[in-house]
ModelCIF file with pLDDT and N, C-alpha, C, O atoms, coordinates in Angstrom:
data_MODEL
#
_entry.id   MODEL 
#
_entity.id                         1 
_entity.type                       polymer 
_entity.pdbx_number_of_molecules   1 
#
_entity_poly.entity_id                      1 
_entity_poly.type                           'polypeptide(L)' 
_entity_poly.nstd_linkage                   no 
_entity_poly.nstd_monomer                   no 
_entity_poly.pdbx_seq_one_letter_code       MKVDLAFLAHKASEIDKYRVETCCVIGNYYSLRAEHQKAVLYF 
_entity_poly.pdbx_seq_one_letter_code_can   MKVDLAFLAHKASEIDKYRVETCCVIGNYYSLRAEHQKAVLYF 
_entity_poly.pdbx_strand_id                 A 
#
loop_
_entity_poly_seq.entity_id 
_entity_poly_seq.num 
_entity_poly_seq.mon_id 
_entity_poly_seq.hetero 
1 1  MET n 
1 2  LYS n 
1 3  VAL n 
1 4  ASP n 
1 5  LEU n 
1 6  ALA n 
1 7  PHE n 
1 8  LEU n 
1 9  ALA n 
1 10 HIS n 
1 11 LYS n 
1 12 ALA n 
1 13 SER n 
1 14 GLU n 
1 15 ILE n 
1 16 ASP n 
1 17 LYS n 
1 18 TYR n 
1 19 ARG n 
1 20 VAL n 
1 21 GLU n 
1 22 THR n 
1 23 CYS n 
1 24 CYS n 
1 25 VAL n 
1 26 ILE n 
1 27 GLY n 
1 28 ASN n 
1 29 TYR n 
1 30 TYR n 
1 31 SER n 
1 32 LEU n 
1 33 ARG n 
1 34 ALA n 
1 35 GLU n 
1 36 HIS n 
1 37 GLN n 
1 38 LYS n 
1 39 ALA n 
1 40 VAL n 
1 41 LEU n 
1 42 TYR n 
1 43 PHE n 
#
_struct_asym.id          A 
_struct_asym.entity_id   1 
#
loop_
_ma_qa_metric.id 
_ma_qa_metric.mode 
_ma_qa_metric.name 
_ma_qa_metric.software_group_id 
_ma_qa_metric.type 
1 global pLDDT . pLDDT 
2 local  pLDDT . pLDDT 
#
_ma_qa_metric_global.metric_id      1 
_ma_qa_metric_global.metric_value   95.74 
_ma_qa_metric_global.model_id       1 
_ma_qa_metric_global.ordinal_id     1 
#
loop_
_ma_qa_metric_local.label_asym_id 
_ma_qa_metric_local.label_comp_id 
_ma_qa_metric_local.label_seq_id 
_ma_qa_metric_local.metric_id 
_ma_qa_metric_local.metric_value 
_ma_qa_metric_local.model_id 
_ma_qa_metric_local.ordinal_id 
A MET 1  2 95.00 1 1  
A LYS 2  2 95.00 1 2  
A VAL 3  2 96.00 1 3  
A ASP 4  2 96.00 1 4  
A LEU 5  2 97.00 1 5  
A ALA 6  2 97.00 1 6  
A PHE 7  2 97.00 1 7  
A LEU 8  2 97.00 1 8  
A ALA 9  2 97.00 1 9  
A HIS 10 2 97.00 1 10 
A LYS 11 2 97.00 1 11 
A ALA 12 2 97.00 1 12 
A SER 13 2 96.00 1 13 
A GLU 14 2 97.00 1 14 
A ILE 15 2 97.00 1 15 
A ASP 16 2 96.00 1 16 
A LYS 17 2 94.00 1 17 
A TYR 18 2 92.00 1 18 
A ARG 19 2 94.00 1 19 
A VAL 20 2 94.00 1 20 
A GLU 21 2 95.00 1 21 
A THR 22 2 96.00 1 22 
A CYS 23 2 96.00 1 23 
A CYS 24 2 96.00 1 24 
A VAL 25 2 97.00 1 25 
A ILE 26 2 97.00 1 26 
A GLY 27 2 96.00 1 27 
A ASN 28 2 96.00 1 28 
A TYR 29 2 97.00 1 29 
A TYR 30 2 97.00 1 30 
A SER 31 2 96.00 1 31 
A LEU 32 2 95.00 1 32 
A ARG 33 2 95.00 1 33 
A ALA 34 2 94.00 1 34 
A GLU 35 2 96.00 1 35 
A HIS 36 2 95.00 1 36 
A GLN 37 2 94.00 1 37 
A LYS 38 2 96.00 1 38 
A ALA 39 2 96.00 1 39 
A VAL 40 2 95.00 1 40 
A LEU 41 2 95.00 1 41 
A TYR 42 2 95.00 1 42 
A PHE 43 2 94.00 1 43 
#
loop_
_atom_site.group_PDB 
_atom_site.id 
_atom_site.type_symbol 
_atom_site.label_atom_id 
_atom_site.label_alt_id 
_atom_site.label_comp_id 
_atom_site.label_asym_id 
_atom_site.label_entity_id 
_atom_site.label_seq_id 
_atom_site.pdbx_PDB_ins_code 
_atom_site.Cartn_x 
_atom_site.Cartn_y 
_atom_site.Cartn_z 
_atom_site.occupancy 
_atom_site.B_iso_or_equiv 
_atom_site.pdbx_formal_charge 
_atom_site.auth_seq_id 
_atom_site.auth_comp_id 
_atom_site.auth_asym_id 
_atom_site.auth_atom_id 
_atom_site.pdbx_PDB_model_num 
ATOM 1   N N  . MET A 1 1  ? -13.727 -2.518 1.174  1.00 95.00 ? 1  MET A N  1 
ATOM 2   C CA . MET A 1 1  ? -13.827 -2.181 -0.248 1.00 95.00 ? 1  MET A CA 1 
ATOM 3   C C  . MET A 1 1  ? -12.511 -1.522 -0.681 1.00 95.00 ? 1  MET A C  1 
ATOM 4   O O  . MET A 1 1  ? -12.430 -0.300 -0.807 1.00 95.00 ? 1  MET A O  1 
ATOM 5   N N  . LYS A 1 2  ? -11.489 -2.343 -0.904 1.00 95.00 ? 2  LYS A N  1 
ATOM 6   C CA . LYS A 1 2  ? -10.130 -1.841 -1.170 1.00 95.00 ? 2  LYS A CA 1 
ATOM 7   C C  . LYS A 1 2  ? -10.045 -0.969 -2.413 1.00 95.00 ? 2  LYS A C  1 
ATOM 8   O O  . LYS A 1 2  ? -9.391  0.074  -2.405 1.00 95.00 ? 2  LYS A O  1 
ATOM 9   N N  . VAL A 1 3  ? -10.709 -1.400 -3.482 1.00 96.00 ? 3  VAL A N  1 
ATOM 10  C CA . VAL A 1 3  ? -10.627 -0.661 -4.745 1.00 96.00 ? 3  VAL A CA 1 
ATOM 11  C C  . VAL A 1 3  ? -11.253 0.725  -4.585 1.00 96.00 ? 3  VAL A C  1 
ATOM 12  O O  . VAL A 1 3  ? -10.675 1.724  -5.015 1.00 96.00 ? 3  VAL A O  1 
ATOM 13  N N  . ASP A 1 4  ? -12.436 0.782  -3.965 1.00 96.00 ? 4  ASP A N  1 
ATOM 14  C CA . ASP A 1 4  ? -13.129 2.062  -3.758 1.00 96.00 ? 4  ASP A CA 1 
ATOM 15  C C  . ASP A 1 4  ? -12.320 2.978  -2.844 1.00 96.00 ? 4  ASP A C  1 
ATOM 16  O O  . ASP A 1 4  ? -12.232 4.184  -3.073 1.00 96.00 ? 4  ASP A O  1 
ATOM 17  N N  . LEU A 1 5  ? -11.728 2.383  -1.802 1.00 97.00 ? 5  LEU A N  1 
ATOM 18  C CA . LEU A 1 5  ? -10.943 3.187  -0.864 1.00 97.00 ? 5  LEU A CA 1 
ATOM 19  C C  . LEU A 1 5  ? -9.666  3.700  -1.533 1.00 97.00 ? 5  LEU A C  1 
ATOM 20  O O  . LEU A 1 5  ? -9.250  4.833  -1.290 1.00 97.00 ? 5  LEU A O  1 
ATOM 21  N N  . ALA A 1 6  ? -9.052  2.878  -2.367 1.00 97.00 ? 6  ALA A N  1 
ATOM 22  C CA . ALA A 1 6  ? -7.852  3.310  -3.104 1.00 97.00 ? 6  ALA A CA 1 
ATOM 23  C C  . ALA A 1 6  ? -8.188  4.471  -4.045 1.00 97.00 ? 6  ALA A C  1 
ATOM 24  O O  . ALA A 1 6  ? -7.426  5.431  -4.159 1.00 97.00 ? 6  ALA A O  1 
ATOM 25  N N  . PHE A 1 7  ? -9.347  4.367  -4.721 1.00 97.00 ? 7  PHE A N  1 
ATOM 26  C CA . PHE A 1 7  ? -9.772  5.444  -5.626 1.00 97.00 ? 7  PHE A CA 1 
ATOM 27  C C  . PHE A 1 7  ? -10.036 6.733  -4.852 1.00 97.00 ? 7  PHE A C  1 
ATOM 28  O O  . PHE A 1 7  ? -9.643  7.816  -5.285 1.00 97.00 ? 7  PHE A O  1 
ATOM 29  N N  . LEU A 1 8  ? -10.706 6.609  -3.702 1.00 97.00 ? 8  LEU A N  1 
ATOM 30  C CA . LEU A 1 8  ? -11.003 7.790  -2.873 1.00 97.00 ? 8  LEU A CA 1 
ATOM 31  C C  . LEU A 1 8  ? -9.709  8.438  -2.384 1.00 97.00 ? 8  LEU A C  1 
ATOM 32  O O  . LEU A 1 8  ? -9.585  9.663  -2.394 1.00 97.00 ? 8  LEU A O  1 
ATOM 33  N N  . ALA A 1 9  ? -8.744  7.615  -1.956 1.00 97.00 ? 9  ALA A N  1 
ATOM 34  C CA . ALA A 1 9  ? -7.460  8.134  -1.470 1.00 97.00 ? 9  ALA A CA 1 
ATOM 35  C C  . ALA A 1 9  ? -6.727  8.876  -2.600 1.00 97.00 ? 9  ALA A C  1 
ATOM 36  O O  . ALA A 1 9  ? -6.165  9.950  -2.383 1.00 97.00 ? 9  ALA A O  1 
ATOM 37  N N  . HIS A 1 10 ? -6.740  8.300  -3.789 1.00 97.00 ? 10 HIS A N  1 
ATOM 38  C CA . HIS A 1 10 ? -6.078  8.925  -4.943 1.00 97.00 ? 10 HIS A CA 1 
ATOM 39  C C  . HIS A 1 10 ? -6.741  10.257 -5.290 1.00 97.00 ? 10 HIS A C  1 
ATOM 40  O O  . HIS A 1 10 ? -6.062  11.253 -5.544 1.00 97.00 ? 10 HIS A O  1 
ATOM 41  N N  . LYS A 1 11 ? -8.079  10.262 -5.298 1.00 97.00 ? 11 LYS A N  1 
ATOM 42  C CA . LYS A 1 11 ? -8.826  11.476 -5.653 1.00 97.00 ? 11 LYS A CA 1 
ATOM 43  C C  . LYS A 1 11 ? -8.602  12.570 -4.614 1.00 97.00 ? 11 LYS A C  1 
ATOM 44  O O  . LYS A 1 11 ? -8.375  13.727 -4.968 1.00 97.00 ? 11 LYS A O  1 
ATOM 45  N N  . ALA A 1 12 ? -8.665  12.205 -3.320 1.00 97.00 ? 12 ALA A N  1 
ATOM 46  C CA . ALA A 1 12 ? -8.474  13.180 -2.236 1.00 97.00 ? 12 ALA A CA 1 
ATOM 47  C C  . ALA A 1 12 ? -7.075  13.787 -2.297 1.00 97.00 ? 12 ALA A C  1 
ATOM 48  O O  . ALA A 1 12 ? -6.900  14.984 -2.071 1.00 97.00 ? 12 ALA A O  1 
ATOM 49  N N  . SER A 1 13 ? -6.080  12.951 -2.604 1.00 96.00 ? 13 SER A N  1 
ATOM 50  C CA . SER A 1 13 ? -4.700  13.422 -2.706 1.00 96.00 ? 13 SER A CA 1 
ATOM 51  C C  . SER A 1 13 ? -4.530  14.390 -3.873 1.00 96.00 ? 13 SER A C  1 
ATOM 52  O O  . SER A 1 13 ? -3.770  15.354 -3.781 1.00 96.00 ? 13 SER A O  1 
ATOM 53  N N  . GLU A 1 14 ? -5.241  14.130 -4.970 1.00 97.00 ? 14 GLU A N  1 
ATOM 54  C CA . GLU A 1 14 ? -5.203  15.029 -6.129 1.00 97.00 ? 14 GLU A CA 1 
ATOM 55  C C  . GLU A 1 14 ? -5.810  16.394 -5.791 1.00 97.00 ? 14 GLU A C  1 
ATOM 56  O O  . GLU A 1 14 ? -5.321  17.430 -6.243 1.00 97.00 ? 14 GLU A O  1 
ATOM 57  N N  . ILE A 1 15 ? -6.881  16.382 -4.990 1.00 97.00 ? 15 ILE A N  1 
ATOM 58  C CA . ILE A 1 15 ? -7.581  17.631 -4.649 1.00 97.00 ? 15 ILE A CA 1 
ATOM 59  C C  . ILE A 1 15 ? -6.745  18.464 -3.688 1.00 97.00 ? 15 ILE A C  1 
ATOM 60  O O  . ILE A 1 15 ? -6.500  19.644 -3.938 1.00 97.00 ? 15 ILE A O  1 
ATOM 61  N N  . ASP A 1 16 ? -6.301  17.848 -2.574 1.00 96.00 ? 16 ASP A N  1 
ATOM 62  C CA . ASP A 1 16 ? -5.495  18.577 -1.578 1.00 96.00 ? 16 ASP A CA 1 
ATOM 63  C C  . ASP A 1 16 ? -4.836  17.564 -0.652 1.00 96.00 ? 16 ASP A C  1 
ATOM 64  O O  . ASP A 1 16 ? -5.475  17.029 0.253  1.00 96.00 ? 16 ASP A O  1 
ATOM 65  N N  . LYS A 1 17 ? -3.551  17.305 -0.887 1.00 94.00 ? 17 LYS A N  1 
ATOM 66  C CA . LYS A 1 17 ? -2.861  16.278 -0.092 1.00 94.00 ? 17 LYS A CA 1 
ATOM 67  C C  . LYS A 1 17 ? -2.573  16.726 1.342  1.00 94.00 ? 17 LYS A C  1 
ATOM 68  O O  . LYS A 1 17 ? -2.194  15.908 2.180  1.00 94.00 ? 17 LYS A O  1 
ATOM 69  N N  . TYR A 1 18 ? -2.753  18.037 1.634  1.00 92.00 ? 18 TYR A N  1 
ATOM 70  C CA . TYR A 1 18 ? -2.449  18.533 2.972  1.00 92.00 ? 18 TYR A CA 1 
ATOM 71  C C  . TYR A 1 18 ? -3.699  18.865 3.790  1.00 92.00 ? 18 TYR A C  1 
ATOM 72  O O  . TYR A 1 18 ? -3.640  19.642 4.743  1.00 92.00 ? 18 TYR A O  1 
ATOM 73  N N  . ARG A 1 19 ? -4.821  18.272 3.410  1.00 94.00 ? 19 ARG A N  1 
ATOM 74  C CA . ARG A 1 19 ? -6.038  18.401 4.226  1.00 94.00 ? 19 ARG A CA 1 
ATOM 75  C C  . ARG A 1 19 ? -6.073  17.236 5.201  1.00 94.00 ? 19 ARG A C  1 
ATOM 76  O O  . ARG A 1 19 ? -5.645  16.130 4.870  1.00 94.00 ? 19 ARG A O  1 
ATOM 77  N N  . VAL A 1 20 ? -6.587  17.485 6.416  1.00 94.00 ? 20 VAL A N  1 
ATOM 78  C CA . VAL A 1 20 ? -6.638  16.406 7.417  1.00 94.00 ? 20 VAL A CA 1 
ATOM 79  C C  . VAL A 1 20 ? -7.495  15.239 6.923  1.00 94.00 ? 20 VAL A C  1 
ATOM 80  O O  . VAL A 1 20 ? -7.181  14.078 7.190  1.00 94.00 ? 20 VAL A O  1 
ATOM 81  N N  . GLU A 1 21 ? -8.581  15.550 6.199  1.00 95.00 ? 21 GLU A N  1 
ATOM 82  C CA . GLU A 1 21 ? -9.439  14.474 5.694  1.00 95.00 ? 21 GLU A CA 1 
ATOM 83  C C  . GLU A 1 21 ? -8.676  13.580 4.718  1.00 95.00 ? 21 GLU A C  1 
ATOM 84  O O  . GLU A 1 21 ? -8.854  12.362 4.718  1.00 95.00 ? 21 GLU A O  1 
ATOM 85  N N  . THR A 1 22 ? -7.827  14.185 3.885  1.00 96.00 ? 22 THR A N  1 
ATOM 86  C CA . THR A 1 22 ? -7.027  13.402 2.931  1.00 96.00 ? 22 THR A CA 1 
ATOM 87  C C  . THR A 1 22 ? -6.077  12.470 3.671  1.00 96.00 ? 22 THR A C  1 
ATOM 88  O O  . THR A 1 22 ? -5.966  11.291 3.335  1.00 96.00 ? 22 THR A O  1 
ATOM 89  N N  . CYS A 1 23 ? -5.400  13.001 4.669  1.00 96.00 ? 23 CYS A N  1 
ATOM 90  C CA . CYS A 1 23 ? -4.468  12.179 5.465  1.00 96.00 ? 23 CYS A CA 1 
ATOM 91  C C  . CYS A 1 23 ? -5.201  11.002 6.117  1.00 96.00 ? 23 CYS A C  1 
ATOM 92  O O  . CYS A 1 23 ? -4.682  9.889  6.190  1.00 96.00 ? 23 CYS A O  1 
ATOM 93  N N  . CYS A 1 24 ? -6.414  11.279 6.585  1.00 96.00 ? 24 CYS A N  1 
ATOM 94  C CA . CYS A 1 24 ? -7.207  10.227 7.233  1.00 96.00 ? 24 CYS A CA 1 
ATOM 95  C C  . CYS A 1 24 ? -7.615  9.151  6.225  1.00 96.00 ? 24 CYS A C  1 
ATOM 96  O O  . CYS A 1 24 ? -7.536  7.959  6.523  1.00 96.00 ? 24 CYS A O  1 
ATOM 97  N N  . VAL A 1 25 ? -8.047  9.566  5.041  1.00 97.00 ? 25 VAL A N  1 
ATOM 98  C CA . VAL A 1 25 ? -8.444  8.615  3.982  1.00 97.00 ? 25 VAL A CA 1 
ATOM 99  C C  . VAL A 1 25 ? -7.260  7.722  3.609  1.00 97.00 ? 25 VAL A C  1 
ATOM 100 O O  . VAL A 1 25 ? -7.399  6.502  3.518  1.00 97.00 ? 25 VAL A O  1 
ATOM 101 N N  . ILE A 1 26 ? -6.094  8.341  3.393  1.00 97.00 ? 26 ILE A N  1 
ATOM 102 C CA . ILE A 1 26 ? -4.901  7.565  3.015  1.00 97.00 ? 26 ILE A CA 1 
ATOM 103 C C  . ILE A 1 26 ? -4.479  6.643  4.163  1.00 97.00 ? 26 ILE A C  1 
ATOM 104 O O  . ILE A 1 26 ? -4.064  5.507  3.934  1.00 97.00 ? 26 ILE A O  1 
ATOM 105 N N  . GLY A 1 27 ? -4.586  7.139  5.395  1.00 96.00 ? 27 GLY A N  1 
ATOM 106 C CA . GLY A 1 27 ? -4.275  6.309  6.563  1.00 96.00 ? 27 GLY A CA 1 
ATOM 107 C C  . GLY A 1 27 ? -5.154  5.079  6.629  1.00 96.00 ? 27 GLY A C  1 
ATOM 108 O O  . GLY A 1 27 ? -4.675  3.982  6.915  1.00 96.00 ? 27 GLY A O  1 
ATOM 109 N N  . ASN A 1 28 ? -6.450  5.258  6.364  1.00 96.00 ? 28 ASN A N  1 
ATOM 110 C CA . ASN A 1 28 ? -7.377  4.118  6.354  1.00 96.00 ? 28 ASN A CA 1 
ATOM 111 C C  . ASN A 1 28 ? -7.032  3.133  5.238  1.00 96.00 ? 28 ASN A C  1 
ATOM 112 O O  . ASN A 1 28 ? -7.153  1.920  5.408  1.00 96.00 ? 28 ASN A O  1 
ATOM 113 N N  . TYR A 1 29 ? -6.603  3.665  4.102  1.00 97.00 ? 29 TYR A N  1 
ATOM 114 C CA . TYR A 1 29 ? -6.219  2.801  2.972  1.00 97.00 ? 29 TYR A CA 1 
ATOM 115 C C  . TYR A 1 29 ? -5.047  1.903  3.368  1.00 97.00 ? 29 TYR A C  1 
ATOM 116 O O  . TYR A 1 29 ? -5.076  0.697  3.123  1.00 97.00 ? 29 TYR A O  1 
ATOM 117 N N  . TYR A 1 30 ? -4.014  2.493  3.982  1.00 97.00 ? 30 TYR A N  1 
ATOM 118 C CA . TYR A 1 30 ? -2.860  1.689  4.401  1.00 97.00 ? 30 TYR A CA 1 
ATOM 119 C C  . TYR A 1 30 ? -3.228  0.722  5.531  1.00 97.00 ? 30 TYR A C  1 
ATOM 120 O O  . TYR A 1 30 ? -2.691  -0.384 5.611  1.00 97.00 ? 30 TYR A O  1 
ATOM 121 N N  . SER A 1 31 ? -4.140  1.146  6.397  1.00 96.00 ? 31 SER A N  1 
ATOM 122 C CA . SER A 1 31 ? -4.575  0.261  7.481  1.00 96.00 ? 31 SER A CA 1 
ATOM 123 C C  . SER A 1 31 ? -5.275  -0.980 6.925  1.00 96.00 ? 31 SER A C  1 
ATOM 124 O O  . SER A 1 31 ? -5.064  -2.093 7.405  1.00 96.00 ? 31 SER A O  1 
ATOM 125 N N  . LEU A 1 32 ? -6.116  -0.767 5.897  1.00 95.00 ? 32 LEU A N  1 
ATOM 126 C CA . LEU A 1 32 ? -6.825  -1.897 5.282  1.00 95.00 ? 32 LEU A CA 1 
ATOM 127 C C  . LEU A 1 32 ? -5.849  -2.858 4.614  1.00 95.00 ? 32 LEU A C  1 
ATOM 128 O O  . LEU A 1 32 ? -6.114  -4.056 4.518  1.00 95.00 ? 32 LEU A O  1 
ATOM 129 N N  . ARG A 1 33 ? -4.722  -2.327 4.155  1.00 95.00 ? 33 ARG A N  1 
ATOM 130 C CA . ARG A 1 33 ? -3.687  -3.174 3.565  1.00 95.00 ? 33 ARG A CA 1 
ATOM 131 C C  . ARG A 1 33 ? -2.746  -3.754 4.620  1.00 95.00 ? 33 ARG A C  1 
ATOM 132 O O  . ARG A 1 33 ? -1.745  -4.393 4.293  1.00 95.00 ? 33 ARG A O  1 
ATOM 133 N N  . ALA A 1 34 ? -3.084  -3.522 5.899  1.00 94.00 ? 34 ALA A N  1 
ATOM 134 C CA . ALA A 1 34 ? -2.290  -4.006 7.047  1.00 94.00 ? 34 ALA A CA 1 
ATOM 135 C C  . ALA A 1 34 ? -0.892  -3.389 7.085  1.00 94.00 ? 34 ALA A C  1 
ATOM 136 O O  . ALA A 1 34 ? 0.024   -3.961 7.675  1.00 94.00 ? 34 ALA A O  1 
ATOM 137 N N  . GLU A 1 35 ? -0.728  -2.223 6.459  1.00 96.00 ? 35 GLU A N  1 
ATOM 138 C CA . GLU A 1 35 ? 0.542   -1.484 6.547  1.00 96.00 ? 35 GLU A CA 1 
ATOM 139 C C  . GLU A 1 35 ? 0.388   -0.429 7.650  1.00 96.00 ? 35 GLU A C  1 
ATOM 140 O O  . GLU A 1 35 ? 0.255   0.766  7.389  1.00 96.00 ? 35 GLU A O  1 
ATOM 141 N N  . HIS A 1 36 ? 0.411   -0.923 8.890  1.00 95.00 ? 36 HIS A N  1 
ATOM 142 C CA . HIS A 1 36 ? 0.017   -0.095 10.034 1.00 95.00 ? 36 HIS A CA 1 
ATOM 143 C C  . HIS A 1 36 ? 1.000   1.041  10.307 1.00 95.00 ? 36 HIS A C  1 
ATOM 144 O O  . HIS A 1 36 ? 0.596   2.113  10.758 1.00 95.00 ? 36 HIS A O  1 
ATOM 145 N N  . GLN A 1 37 ? 2.278   0.815  10.039 1.00 94.00 ? 37 GLN A N  1 
ATOM 146 C CA . GLN A 1 37 ? 3.264   1.869  10.276 1.00 94.00 ? 37 GLN A CA 1 
ATOM 147 C C  . GLN A 1 37 ? 3.018   3.061  9.343  1.00 94.00 ? 37 GLN A C  1 
ATOM 148 O O  . GLN A 1 37 ? 3.113   4.216  9.759  1.00 94.00 ? 37 GLN A O  1 
ATOM 149 N N  . LYS A 1 38 ? 2.702   2.765  8.080  1.00 96.00 ? 38 LYS A N  1 
ATOM 150 C CA . LYS A 1 38 ? 2.394   3.838  7.130  1.00 96.00 ? 38 LYS A CA 1 
ATOM 151 C C  . LYS A 1 38 ? 1.099   4.555  7.526  1.00 96.00 ? 38 LYS A C  1 
ATOM 152 O O  . LYS A 1 38 ? 0.990   5.776  7.415  1.00 96.00 ? 38 LYS A O  1 
ATOM 153 N N  . ALA A 1 39 ? 0.127   3.770  7.987  1.00 96.00 ? 39 ALA A N  1 
ATOM 154 C CA . ALA A 1 39 ? -1.145  4.357  8.422  1.00 96.00 ? 39 ALA A CA 1 
ATOM 155 C C  . ALA A 1 39 ? -0.909  5.345  9.565  1.00 96.00 ? 39 ALA A C  1 
ATOM 156 O O  . ALA A 1 39 ? -1.471  6.440  9.574  1.00 96.00 ? 39 ALA A O  1 
ATOM 157 N N  . VAL A 1 40 ? -0.076  4.950  10.525 1.00 95.00 ? 40 VAL A N  1 
ATOM 158 C CA . VAL A 1 40 ? 0.252   5.821  11.662 1.00 95.00 ? 40 VAL A CA 1 
ATOM 159 C C  . VAL A 1 40 ? 0.867   7.126  11.180 1.00 95.00 ? 40 VAL A C  1 
ATOM 160 O O  . VAL A 1 40 ? 0.522   8.195  11.683 1.00 95.00 ? 40 VAL A O  1 
ATOM 161 N N  . LEU A 1 41 ? 1.781   7.051  10.205 1.00 95.00 ? 41 LEU A N  1 
ATOM 162 C CA . LEU A 1 41 ? 2.440   8.254  9.685  1.00 95.00 ? 41 LEU A CA 1 
ATOM 163 C C  . LEU A 1 41 ? 1.428   9.251  9.122  1.00 95.00 ? 41 LEU A C  1 
ATOM 164 O O  . LEU A 1 41 ? 1.559   10.458 9.322  1.00 95.00 ? 41 LEU A O  1 
ATOM 165 N N  . TYR A 1 42 ? 0.414   8.736  8.414  1.00 95.00 ? 42 TYR A N  1 
ATOM 166 C CA . TYR A 1 42 ? -0.582  9.637  7.823  1.00 95.00 ? 42 TYR A CA 1 
ATOM 167 C C  . TYR A 1 42 ? -1.529  10.200 8.887  1.00 95.00 ? 42 TYR A C  1 
ATOM 168 O O  . TYR A 1 42 ? -1.926  11.362 8.807  1.00 95.00 ? 42 TYR A O  1 
ATOM 169 N N  . PHE A 1 43 ? -1.888  9.391  9.871  1.00 94.00 ? 43 PHE A N  1 
ATOM 170 C CA . PHE A 1 43 ? -2.727  9.918  10.949 1.00 94.00 ? 43 PHE A CA 1 
ATOM 171 C C  . PHE A 1 43 ? -1.952  10.966 11.767 1.00 94.00 ? 43 PHE A C  1 
ATOM 172 O O  . PHE A 1 43 ? -2.490  11.526 12.721 1.00 94.00 ? 43 PHE A O  1 
#
């Protein structure tokens, strides 16, 4: 669900971009887009 995951990543980043959960959400978003190097950076 790319659209829902993108919205969740955006919302989490707005709330607190330095929470581990936010980094994980954004990492999953990049992983779903097959941007694995970016996903690794966030994890």
